[in-house]
Amino acid sequence: MKRIALLILTNLAVMLVLGIVLQIIFAVTGINSRGIGGILTFALVFGFGGAFISLAMSKMIAKRSVGAQVITEPRNADEHWLMERVAEQAEKVGITMPEVAVYQSPDMNAFATGMTKNSSLVAVSTGLMQNMTRDEVEAVLAHEISHIANGDMVTLTLVQGVMNTFVHFFVSIVSNIIQNVLGGDEEGEGGLGFIASFAISMVLYAVFGAAASVVVAWFSRKREFAADAGAARLVDKQKMINALERLRGGNQQEMEGQFAAFGINGGFSSLFSTHPPLEDRIQALKNQ
């Protein structure tokens, strides 16, 4: 419930801010909000604005969502080792040392997030630390560091922003066409009414949003292979393979959402899966 409430409140705050920005743009530029220019402006503001605000808030949301505790002073040997490995890998790829955090979870999970390469966060679960060898954890960390070094968070946000813009734009256009076909005028008289119009918009958002999600998920799967390859270069290919084998044997549930950067999943692939099957990732490493 805490995560759901945080997500709802965050989205409402983002929508409020973007709504204010949009009204300022219309007032300053004189763009007709009902015309094509106005619809495109709306799509761009909400498409890219929402994506980049979410990215800017990603570290804060991630920490609060999973209850991650950032390590400032290592409290034990494991935390000291974690800090050393992340610092060592960050130096190798030429990025600023990320924040390192641990969160309580029995699952073997990890994620990386952050606005820029030099302002990032790497977090691992207690389940990962307890159920993997240090060589395997080192490979997981290298995978996350590779995501950061490759700029995957920003790149994926750009892709998401483009897809969001298309969704908003085409939903508005198609919704207006439907209204006109059914006899509504610009003032909404003789049309479907608010409830029916809202329902049509929601259906259109679901359809176009699903199509956009397929594109984003495809791009995300490609970045997972690249991060695996980066981890193999940073530490050792066999360590990365062993880590993935450990995950495959752990019968993990499918991870979803913005923070599932390591992509520990149940081993199946679909159009909407953001991570390739573990078998495919292992085979890709073996073929290198």
C-alpha atoms as a PDB file:
ATOM      1  CA  MET A   1       0.000   0.000   0.000  1.00  0.00           C
ATOM      2  CA  LYS A   2       2.864   2.358   0.783  1.00  0.00           C
ATOM      3  CA  ARG A   3       4.340   1.895  -2.690  1.00  0.00           C
ATOM      4  CA  ILE A   4       0.973   2.381  -4.394  1.00  0.00           C
ATOM      5  CA  ALA A   5       0.234   5.541  -2.396  1.00  0.00           C
ATOM      6  CA  LEU A   6       3.690   6.939  -3.188  1.00  0.00           C
ATOM      7  CA  LEU A   7       3.217   6.212  -6.898  1.00  0.00           C
ATOM      8  CA  ILE A   8      -0.216   7.870  -6.981  1.00  0.00           C
ATOM      9  CA  LEU A   9       0.934  10.964  -5.108  1.00  0.00           C
ATOM     10  CA  THR A  10       4.024  11.292  -7.292  1.00  0.00           C
ATOM     11  CA  ASN A  11       2.002  11.023 -10.498  1.00  0.00           C
ATOM     12  CA  LEU A  12      -0.515  13.591  -9.280  1.00  0.00           C
ATOM     13  CA  ALA A  13       2.283  16.010  -8.389  1.00  0.00           C
ATOM     14  CA  VAL A  14       3.931  15.511 -11.787  1.00  0.00           C
ATOM     15  CA  MET A  15       0.632  16.092 -13.618  1.00  0.00           C
ATOM     16  CA  LEU A  16      -0.007  19.259 -11.615  1.00  0.00           C
ATOM     17  CA  VAL A  17       3.433  20.685 -12.403  1.00  0.00           C
ATOM     18  CA  LEU A  18       3.181  19.815 -16.098  1.00  0.00           C
ATOM     19  CA  GLY A  19      -0.322  21.262 -16.289  1.00  0.00           C
ATOM     20  CA  ILE A  20       0.939  24.575 -14.945  1.00  0.00           C
ATOM     21  CA  VAL A  21       3.900  24.544 -17.357  1.00  0.00           C
ATOM     22  CA  LEU A  22       1.557  23.841 -20.275  1.00  0.00           C
ATOM     23  CA  GLN A  23      -0.745  26.732 -19.405  1.00  0.00           C
ATOM     24  CA  ILE A  24       2.245  29.086 -19.160  1.00  0.00           C
ATOM     25  CA  ILE A  25       3.456  27.969 -22.601  1.00  0.00           C
ATOM     26  CA  PHE A  26       0.028  28.536 -24.131  1.00  0.00           C
ATOM     27  CA  ALA A  27      -0.245  31.971 -22.492  1.00  0.00           C
ATOM     28  CA  VAL A  28       3.223  33.110 -23.589  1.00  0.00           C
ATOM     29  CA  THR A  29       3.190  31.715 -27.143  1.00  0.00           C
ATOM     30  CA  GLY A  30      -0.469  32.217 -27.950  1.00  0.00           C
ATOM     31  CA  ILE A  31      -0.733  28.676 -29.304  1.00  0.00           C
ATOM     32  CA  ASN A  32      -4.326  27.495 -29.777  1.00  0.00           C
ATOM     33  CA  SER A  33      -4.745  24.620 -27.356  1.00  0.00           C
ATOM     34  CA  ARG A  34      -7.430  23.044 -29.591  1.00  0.00           C
ATOM     35  CA  GLY A  35      -5.359  23.135 -32.774  1.00  0.00           C
ATOM     36  CA  ILE A  36      -2.726  20.690 -34.013  1.00  0.00           C
ATOM     37  CA  GLY A  37       0.012  22.903 -32.559  1.00  0.00           C
ATOM     38  CA  GLY A  38      -1.670  22.879 -29.170  1.00  0.00           C
ATOM     39  CA  ILE A  39      -2.183  19.115 -29.233  1.00  0.00           C
ATOM     40  CA  LEU A  40       1.464  18.568 -30.202  1.00  0.00           C
ATOM     41  CA  THR A  41       2.639  20.947 -27.470  1.00  0.00           C
ATOM     42  CA  PHE A  42       0.510  19.081 -24.920  1.00  0.00           C
ATOM     43  CA  ALA A  43       1.945  15.752 -26.120  1.00  0.00           C
ATOM     44  CA  LEU A  44       5.544  16.994 -25.925  1.00  0.00           C
ATOM     45  CA  VAL A  45       5.173  18.558 -22.474  1.00  0.00           C
ATOM     46  CA  PHE A  46       3.463  15.554 -20.923  1.00  0.00           C
ATOM     47  CA  GLY A  47       5.442  12.990 -22.938  1.00  0.00           C
ATOM     48  CA  PHE A  48       8.978  14.201 -22.297  1.00  0.00           C
ATOM     49  CA  GLY A  49       8.229  16.217 -19.165  1.00  0.00           C
ATOM     50  CA  GLY A  50       6.717  13.268 -17.340  1.00  0.00           C
ATOM     51  CA  ALA A  51       9.545  10.947 -18.371  1.00  0.00           C
ATOM     52  CA  PHE A  52      12.328  13.306 -17.265  1.00  0.00           C
ATOM     53  CA  ILE A  53      10.657  14.347 -14.023  1.00  0.00           C
ATOM     54  CA  SER A  54      10.310  10.660 -13.179  1.00  0.00           C
ATOM     55  CA  LEU A  55      13.986  10.154 -13.964  1.00  0.00           C
ATOM     56  CA  ALA A  56      14.964  13.136 -11.808  1.00  0.00           C
ATOM     57  CA  MET A  57      12.981  11.677  -8.909  1.00  0.00           C
ATOM     58  CA  SER A  58      14.039   8.085  -9.543  1.00  0.00           C
ATOM     59  CA  LYS A  59      16.593   7.796  -6.739  1.00  0.00           C
ATOM     60  CA  MET A  60      14.248   9.220  -4.137  1.00  0.00           C
ATOM     61  CA  ILE A  61      11.340   7.051  -5.289  1.00  0.00           C
ATOM     62  CA  ALA A  62      13.541   3.953  -5.423  1.00  0.00           C
ATOM     63  CA  LYS A  63      14.830   4.400  -1.898  1.00  0.00           C
ATOM     64  CA  ARG A  64      11.388   4.985  -0.445  1.00  0.00           C
ATOM     65  CA  SER A  65       9.709   2.252  -2.459  1.00  0.00           C
ATOM     66  CA  VAL A  66      11.952  -0.547  -1.260  1.00  0.00           C
ATOM     67  CA  GLY A  67      13.174   1.017   1.974  1.00  0.00           C
ATOM     68  CA  ALA A  68      16.777   1.085   0.761  1.00  0.00           C
ATOM     69  CA  GLN A  69      19.373   2.239   3.276  1.00  0.00           C
ATOM     70  CA  VAL A  70      22.290   4.113   1.708  1.00  0.00           C
ATOM     71  CA  ILE A  71      25.638   3.047   3.126  1.00  0.00           C
ATOM     72  CA  THR A  72      27.474   6.085   4.453  1.00  0.00           C
ATOM     73  CA  GLU A  73      29.721   4.245   6.882  1.00  0.00           C
ATOM     74  CA  PRO A  74      30.024   0.465   6.378  1.00  0.00           C
ATOM     75  CA  ARG A  75      28.612  -1.338   9.421  1.00  0.00           C
ATOM     76  CA  ASN A  76      30.018  -4.782   8.649  1.00  0.00           C
ATOM     77  CA  ALA A  77      32.388  -6.679   6.382  1.00  0.00           C
ATOM     78  CA  ASP A  78      29.767  -7.215   3.667  1.00  0.00           C
ATOM     79  CA  GLU A  79      28.973  -3.506   3.383  1.00  0.00           C
ATOM     80  CA  HIS A  80      32.668  -2.639   3.375  1.00  0.00           C
ATOM     81  CA  TRP A  81      33.211  -5.147   0.567  1.00  0.00           C
ATOM     82  CA  LEU A  82      30.258  -3.751  -1.394  1.00  0.00           C
ATOM     83  CA  MET A  83      31.611  -0.224  -1.199  1.00  0.00           C
ATOM     84  CA  GLU A  84      35.055  -1.329  -2.310  1.00  0.00           C
ATOM     85  CA  ARG A  85      33.753  -3.271  -5.316  1.00  0.00           C
ATOM     86  CA  VAL A  86      31.470  -0.473  -6.516  1.00  0.00           C
ATOM     87  CA  ALA A  87      34.251   2.103  -6.115  1.00  0.00           C
ATOM     88  CA  GLU A  88      36.672  -0.118  -8.023  1.00  0.00           C
ATOM     89  CA  GLN A  89      34.266  -0.730 -10.901  1.00  0.00           C
ATOM     90  CA  ALA A  90      33.179   2.902 -11.077  1.00  0.00           C
ATOM     91  CA  GLU A  91      36.792   3.961 -11.423  1.00  0.00           C
ATOM     92  CA  LYS A  92      37.328   1.456 -14.240  1.00  0.00           C
ATOM     93  CA  VAL A  93      34.464   2.840 -16.318  1.00  0.00           C
ATOM     94  CA  GLY A  94      35.229   6.472 -15.463  1.00  0.00           C
ATOM     95  CA  ILE A  95      32.131   7.506 -13.523  1.00  0.00           C
ATOM     96  CA  THR A  96      31.666   9.121 -10.120  1.00  0.00           C
ATOM     97  CA  MET A  97      31.193   6.646  -7.284  1.00  0.00           C
ATOM     98  CA  PRO A  98      27.436   5.891  -7.102  1.00  0.00           C
ATOM     99  CA  GLU A  99      25.519   5.779  -3.870  1.00  0.00           C
ATOM    100  CA  VAL A 100      25.381   2.214  -2.600  1.00  0.00           C
ATOM    101  CA  ALA A 101      22.338   0.930  -0.745  1.00  0.00           C
ATOM    102  CA  VAL A 102      21.008  -2.295   0.728  1.00  0.00           C
ATOM    103  CA  TYR A 103      17.341  -3.146   1.211  1.00  0.00           C
ATOM    104  CA  GLN A 104      15.537  -5.947   2.989  1.00  0.00           C
ATOM    105  CA  SER A 105      14.107  -8.566   0.607  1.00  0.00           C
ATOM    106  CA  PRO A 106      14.414 -12.358   0.414  1.00  0.00           C
ATOM    107  CA  ASP A 107      14.591 -12.186  -3.407  1.00  0.00           C
ATOM    108  CA  MET A 108      17.890 -11.999  -5.268  1.00  0.00           C
ATOM    109  CA  ASN A 109      17.406  -8.572  -6.786  1.00  0.00           C
ATOM    110  CA  ALA A 110      19.408  -5.463  -7.633  1.00  0.00           C
ATOM    111  CA  PHE A 111      18.857  -2.212  -9.500  1.00  0.00           C
ATOM    112  CA  ALA A 112      20.581   0.951 -10.643  1.00  0.00           C
ATOM    113  CA  THR A 113      18.968   4.322 -11.217  1.00  0.00           C
ATOM    114  CA  GLY A 114      19.760   8.027 -11.280  1.00  0.00           C
ATOM    115  CA  MET A 115      19.489  11.186 -13.353  1.00  0.00           C
ATOM    116  CA  THR A 116      23.042  11.080 -14.724  1.00  0.00           C
ATOM    117  CA  LYS A 117      26.084   8.828 -14.850  1.00  0.00           C
ATOM    118  CA  ASN A 118      27.679  10.829 -12.061  1.00  0.00           C
ATOM    119  CA  SER A 119      24.617  10.981  -9.830  1.00  0.00           C
ATOM    120  CA  SER A 120      23.452   7.417  -9.587  1.00  0.00           C
ATOM    121  CA  LEU A 121      22.432   4.724  -7.142  1.00  0.00           C
ATOM    122  CA  VAL A 122      23.184   1.014  -6.976  1.00  0.00           C
ATOM    123  CA  ALA A 123      21.082  -1.044  -4.580  1.00  0.00           C
ATOM    124  CA  VAL A 124      21.143  -4.742  -3.751  1.00  0.00           C
ATOM    125  CA  SER A 125      18.778  -6.876  -1.712  1.00  0.00           C
ATOM    126  CA  THR A 126      19.743  -8.785   1.403  1.00  0.00           C
ATOM    127  CA  GLY A 127      18.577 -11.908  -0.431  1.00  0.00           C
ATOM    128  CA  LEU A 128      21.173 -11.306  -3.127  1.00  0.00           C
ATOM    129  CA  MET A 129      23.946 -10.943  -0.565  1.00  0.00           C
ATOM    130  CA  GLN A 130      22.868 -14.046   1.339  1.00  0.00           C
ATOM    131  CA  ASN A 131      22.281 -16.411  -1.586  1.00  0.00           C
ATOM    132  CA  MET A 132      25.108 -15.546  -3.963  1.00  0.00           C
ATOM    133  CA  THR A 133      28.839 -15.982  -3.723  1.00  0.00           C
ATOM    134  CA  ARG A 134      30.943 -12.837  -3.699  1.00  0.00           C
ATOM    135  CA  ASP A 135      32.103 -13.515  -7.251  1.00  0.00           C
ATOM    136  CA  GLU A 136      28.468 -13.655  -8.360  1.00  0.00           C
ATOM    137  CA  VAL A 137      27.536 -10.490  -6.458  1.00  0.00           C
ATOM    138  CA  GLU A 138      30.542  -8.781  -8.029  1.00  0.00           C
ATOM    139  CA  ALA A 139      29.165  -9.682 -11.459  1.00  0.00           C
ATOM    140  CA  VAL A 140      25.728  -8.303 -10.527  1.00  0.00           C
ATOM    141  CA  LEU A 141      27.344  -5.046  -9.414  1.00  0.00           C
ATOM    142  CA  ALA A 142      29.299  -4.909 -12.680  1.00  0.00           C
ATOM    143  CA  HIS A 143      26.051  -5.311 -14.602  1.00  0.00           C
ATOM    144  CA  GLU A 144      24.535  -2.342 -12.760  1.00  0.00           C
ATOM    145  CA  ILE A 145      27.666  -0.234 -13.190  1.00  0.00           C
ATOM    146  CA  SER A 146      27.555  -1.031 -16.920  1.00  0.00           C
ATOM    147  CA  HIS A 147      23.975   0.228 -17.102  1.00  0.00           C
ATOM    148  CA  ILE A 148      25.121   3.496 -15.528  1.00  0.00           C
ATOM    149  CA  ALA A 149      28.245   3.828 -17.693  1.00  0.00           C
ATOM    150  CA  ASN A 150      26.202   3.133 -20.843  1.00  0.00           C
ATOM    151  CA  GLY A 151      23.774   5.911 -19.909  1.00  0.00           C
ATOM    152  CA  ASP A 152      20.876   3.476 -20.110  1.00  0.00           C
ATOM    153  CA  MET A 153      18.641   5.355 -17.683  1.00  0.00           C
ATOM    154  CA  VAL A 154      18.776   8.570 -19.743  1.00  0.00           C
ATOM    155  CA  THR A 155      18.563   6.766 -23.081  1.00  0.00           C
ATOM    156  CA  LEU A 156      15.571   4.722 -21.973  1.00  0.00           C
ATOM    157  CA  THR A 157      13.935   7.915 -20.680  1.00  0.00           C
ATOM    158  CA  LEU A 158      14.369   9.516 -24.121  1.00  0.00           C
ATOM    159  CA  VAL A 159      12.783   6.492 -25.782  1.00  0.00           C
ATOM    160  CA  GLN A 160       9.967   6.567 -23.236  1.00  0.00           C
ATOM    161  CA  GLY A 161       9.508  10.292 -23.831  1.00  0.00           C
ATOM    162  CA  VAL A 162       9.192   9.810 -27.602  1.00  0.00           C
ATOM    163  CA  MET A 163       6.684   6.989 -27.116  1.00  0.00           C
ATOM    164  CA  ASN A 164       4.701   9.006 -24.553  1.00  0.00           C
ATOM    165  CA  THR A 165       4.536  11.929 -26.971  1.00  0.00           C
ATOM    166  CA  PHE A 166       3.183   9.746 -29.761  1.00  0.00           C
ATOM    167  CA  VAL A 167       0.616   8.216 -27.400  1.00  0.00           C
ATOM    168  CA  HIS A 168      -0.676  11.583 -26.167  1.00  0.00           C
ATOM    169  CA  PHE A 169      -0.737  13.040 -29.677  1.00  0.00           C
ATOM    170  CA  PHE A 170      -2.548  10.178 -31.404  1.00  0.00           C
ATOM    171  CA  VAL A 171      -5.017   9.674 -28.557  1.00  0.00           C
ATOM    172  CA  SER A 172      -6.002  13.352 -28.840  1.00  0.00           C
ATOM    173  CA  ILE A 173      -6.264  13.221 -32.631  1.00  0.00           C
ATOM    174  CA  VAL A 174      -8.246   9.955 -32.788  1.00  0.00           C
ATOM    175  CA  SER A 175     -10.479  11.036 -29.905  1.00  0.00           C
ATOM    176  CA  ASN A 176     -11.332  14.273 -31.742  1.00  0.00           C
ATOM    177  CA  ILE A 177     -12.038  12.357 -34.947  1.00  0.00           C
ATOM    178  CA  ILE A 178     -14.423  10.036 -33.106  1.00  0.00           C
ATOM    179  CA  GLN A 179     -16.180  13.020 -31.557  1.00  0.00           C
ATOM    180  CA  ASN A 180     -16.599  14.654 -34.965  1.00  0.00           C
ATOM    181  CA  VAL A 181     -17.825  11.461 -36.619  1.00  0.00           C
ATOM    182  CA  LEU A 182     -20.442  11.022 -33.912  1.00  0.00           C
ATOM    183  CA  GLY A 183     -21.699  14.546 -34.441  1.00  0.00           C
ATOM    184  CA  GLY A 184     -20.097  16.575 -31.640  1.00  0.00           C
ATOM    185  CA  ASP A 185     -18.987  20.121 -32.317  1.00  0.00           C
ATOM    186  CA  GLU A 186     -16.019  21.966 -30.873  1.00  0.00           C
ATOM    187  CA  GLU A 187     -18.086  23.022 -27.885  1.00  0.00           C
ATOM    188  CA  GLY A 188     -18.990  19.446 -27.128  1.00  0.00           C
ATOM    189  CA  GLU A 189     -22.697  19.954 -28.004  1.00  0.00           C
ATOM    190  CA  GLY A 190     -24.430  16.979 -29.543  1.00  0.00           C
ATOM    191  CA  GLY A 191     -21.452  14.802 -28.734  1.00  0.00           C
ATOM    192  CA  LEU A 192     -20.947  11.843 -26.468  1.00  0.00           C
ATOM    193  CA  GLY A 193     -20.881  13.565 -23.128  1.00  0.00           C
ATOM    194  CA  PHE A 194     -18.082  13.666 -20.608  1.00  0.00           C
ATOM    195  CA  ILE A 195     -18.312  10.071 -19.362  1.00  0.00           C
ATOM    196  CA  ALA A 196     -18.414   8.516 -22.832  1.00  0.00           C
ATOM    197  CA  SER A 197     -15.585  10.781 -24.077  1.00  0.00           C
ATOM    198  CA  PHE A 198     -13.499   9.907 -21.028  1.00  0.00           C
ATOM    199  CA  ALA A 199     -14.116   6.190 -21.586  1.00  0.00           C
ATOM    200  CA  ILE A 200     -13.061   6.434 -25.233  1.00  0.00           C
ATOM    201  CA  SER A 201      -9.882   8.286 -24.245  1.00  0.00           C
ATOM    202  CA  MET A 202      -9.038   5.617 -21.670  1.00  0.00           C
ATOM    203  CA  VAL A 203      -9.506   2.856 -24.250  1.00  0.00           C
ATOM    204  CA  LEU A 204      -7.324   4.717 -26.725  1.00  0.00           C
ATOM    205  CA  TYR A 205      -4.638   5.290 -24.086  1.00  0.00           C
ATOM    206  CA  ALA A 206      -4.701   1.568 -23.298  1.00  0.00           C
ATOM    207  CA  VAL A 207      -4.326   0.598 -26.972  1.00  0.00           C
ATOM    208  CA  PHE A 208      -1.660   3.132 -27.954  1.00  0.00           C
ATOM    209  CA  GLY A 209       0.071   2.759 -24.580  1.00  0.00           C
ATOM    210  CA  ALA A 210       0.350  -0.995 -25.073  1.00  0.00           C
ATOM    211  CA  ALA A 211       1.887  -0.475 -28.515  1.00  0.00           C
ATOM    212  CA  ALA A 212       4.376   2.026 -27.073  1.00  0.00           C
ATOM    213  CA  SER A 213       5.242  -0.375 -24.250  1.00  0.00           C
ATOM    214  CA  VAL A 214       6.238  -3.023 -26.802  1.00  0.00           C
ATOM    215  CA  VAL A 215       8.786  -0.636 -28.312  1.00  0.00           C
ATOM    216  CA  VAL A 216      10.173   0.434 -24.928  1.00  0.00           C
ATOM    217  CA  ALA A 217      10.384  -3.178 -23.741  1.00  0.00           C
ATOM    218  CA  TRP A 218      12.221  -4.203 -26.916  1.00  0.00           C
ATOM    219  CA  PHE A 219      14.791  -1.450 -26.393  1.00  0.00           C
ATOM    220  CA  SER A 220      15.166  -2.400 -22.715  1.00  0.00           C
ATOM    221  CA  ARG A 221      15.884  -6.030 -23.626  1.00  0.00           C
ATOM    222  CA  LYS A 222      18.658  -4.893 -25.965  1.00  0.00           C
ATOM    223  CA  ARG A 223      20.238  -2.852 -23.163  1.00  0.00           C
ATOM    224  CA  GLU A 224      20.246  -5.883 -20.851  1.00  0.00           C
ATOM    225  CA  PHE A 225      22.451  -7.810 -23.270  1.00  0.00           C
ATOM    226  CA  ALA A 226      24.779  -4.803 -23.489  1.00  0.00           C
ATOM    227  CA  ALA A 227      25.002  -4.565 -19.687  1.00  0.00           C
ATOM    228  CA  ASP A 228      25.786  -8.284 -19.436  1.00  0.00           C
ATOM    229  CA  ALA A 229      28.583  -7.843 -21.954  1.00  0.00           C
ATOM    230  CA  GLY A 230      29.869  -4.839 -20.015  1.00  0.00           C
ATOM    231  CA  ALA A 231      29.888  -6.867 -16.793  1.00  0.00           C
ATOM    232  CA  ALA A 232      31.851  -9.627 -18.525  1.00  0.00           C
ATOM    233  CA  ARG A 233      34.500  -7.091 -19.505  1.00  0.00           C
ATOM    234  CA  LEU A 234      34.603  -5.510 -16.046  1.00  0.00           C
ATOM    235  CA  VAL A 235      34.968  -8.651 -13.992  1.00  0.00           C
ATOM    236  CA  ASP A 236      34.961 -11.958 -15.805  1.00  0.00           C
ATOM    237  CA  LYS A 237      32.620 -13.592 -18.289  1.00  0.00           C
ATOM    238  CA  GLN A 238      32.320 -16.760 -16.237  1.00  0.00           C
ATOM    239  CA  LYS A 239      31.373 -14.797 -13.110  1.00  0.00           C
ATOM    240  CA  MET A 240      28.507 -13.182 -15.011  1.00  0.00           C
ATOM    241  CA  ILE A 241      27.392 -16.529 -16.391  1.00  0.00           C
ATOM    242  CA  ASN A 242      27.507 -18.043 -12.909  1.00  0.00           C
ATOM    243  CA  ALA A 243      25.405 -15.185 -11.520  1.00  0.00           C
ATOM    244  CA  LEU A 244      22.759 -15.696 -14.189  1.00  0.00           C
ATOM    245  CA  GLU A 245      22.816 -19.445 -13.612  1.00  0.00           C
ATOM    246  CA  ARG A 246      22.264 -18.826  -9.913  1.00  0.00           C
ATOM    247  CA  LEU A 247      19.275 -16.643 -10.719  1.00  0.00           C
ATOM    248  CA  ARG A 248      17.847 -19.211 -13.109  1.00  0.00           C
ATOM    249  CA  GLY A 249      18.044 -21.816 -10.385  1.00  0.00           C
ATOM    250  CA  GLY A 250      16.420 -19.478  -7.876  1.00  0.00           C
ATOM    251  CA  ASN A 251      12.976 -19.615  -9.534  1.00  0.00           C
ATOM    252  CA  GLN A 252      12.608 -15.813  -9.317  1.00  0.00           C
ATOM    253  CA  GLN A 253       9.334 -14.093 -10.152  1.00  0.00           C
ATOM    254  CA  GLU A 254       9.162 -11.673 -13.063  1.00  0.00           C
ATOM    255  CA  MET A 255      10.418  -8.224 -12.092  1.00  0.00           C
ATOM    256  CA  GLU A 256       8.600  -5.223 -13.482  1.00  0.00           C
ATOM    257  CA  GLY A 257       8.851  -1.494 -13.142  1.00  0.00           C
ATOM    258  CA  GLN A 258      11.410   1.288 -13.430  1.00  0.00           C
ATOM    259  CA  PHE A 259      13.816  -0.083 -10.825  1.00  0.00           C
ATOM    260  CA  ALA A 260      14.232  -3.662 -12.080  1.00  0.00           C
ATOM    261  CA  ALA A 261      17.511  -2.758 -13.745  1.00  0.00           C
ATOM    262  CA  PHE A 262      19.245  -6.098 -13.302  1.00  0.00           C
ATOM    263  CA  GLY A 263      16.271  -7.893 -14.801  1.00  0.00           C
ATOM    264  CA  ILE A 264      16.040 -10.963 -12.597  1.00  0.00           C
ATOM    265  CA  ASN A 265      13.039 -12.714 -14.031  1.00  0.00           C
ATOM    266  CA  GLY A 266      11.263 -16.023 -14.316  1.00  0.00           C
ATOM    267  CA  GLY A 267      12.970 -16.999 -17.554  1.00  0.00           C
ATOM    268  CA  PHE A 268      10.210 -16.251 -20.076  1.00  0.00           C
ATOM    269  CA  SER A 269      10.077 -13.679 -22.798  1.00  0.00           C
ATOM    270  CA  SER A 270       7.165 -11.731 -24.264  1.00  0.00           C
ATOM    271  CA  LEU A 271       6.568  -8.546 -26.170  1.00  0.00           C
ATOM    272  CA  PHE A 272       6.021  -6.681 -22.916  1.00  0.00           C
ATOM    273  CA  SER A 273       8.956  -8.162 -21.016  1.00  0.00           C
ATOM    274  CA  THR A 274      11.649  -5.590 -20.244  1.00  0.00           C
ATOM    275  CA  HIS A 275      14.272  -8.313 -19.793  1.00  0.00           C
ATOM    276  CA  PRO A 276      15.287 -11.247 -21.987  1.00  0.00           C
ATOM    277  CA  PRO A 277      14.990 -14.822 -20.677  1.00  0.00           C
ATOM    278  CA  LEU A 278      17.946 -15.797 -18.522  1.00  0.00           C
ATOM    279  CA  GLU A 279      18.702 -18.665 -20.913  1.00  0.00           C
ATOM    280  CA  ASP A 280      19.127 -16.212 -23.791  1.00  0.00           C
ATOM    281  CA  ARG A 281      21.389 -13.959 -21.737  1.00  0.00           C
ATOM    282  CA  ILE A 282      23.574 -16.882 -20.685  1.00  0.00           C
ATOM    283  CA  GLN A 283      23.854 -18.129 -24.252  1.00  0.00           C
ATOM    284  CA  ALA A 284      24.767 -14.652 -25.504  1.00  0.00           C
ATOM    285  CA  LEU A 285      27.644 -14.493 -23.021  1.00  0.00           C
ATOM    286  CA  LYS A 286      28.852 -17.971 -23.939  1.00  0.00           C
ATOM    287  CA  ASN A 287      28.894 -16.959 -27.604  1.00  0.00           C
ATOM    288  CA  GLN A 288      31.149 -13.945 -26.986  1.00  0.00           C
END
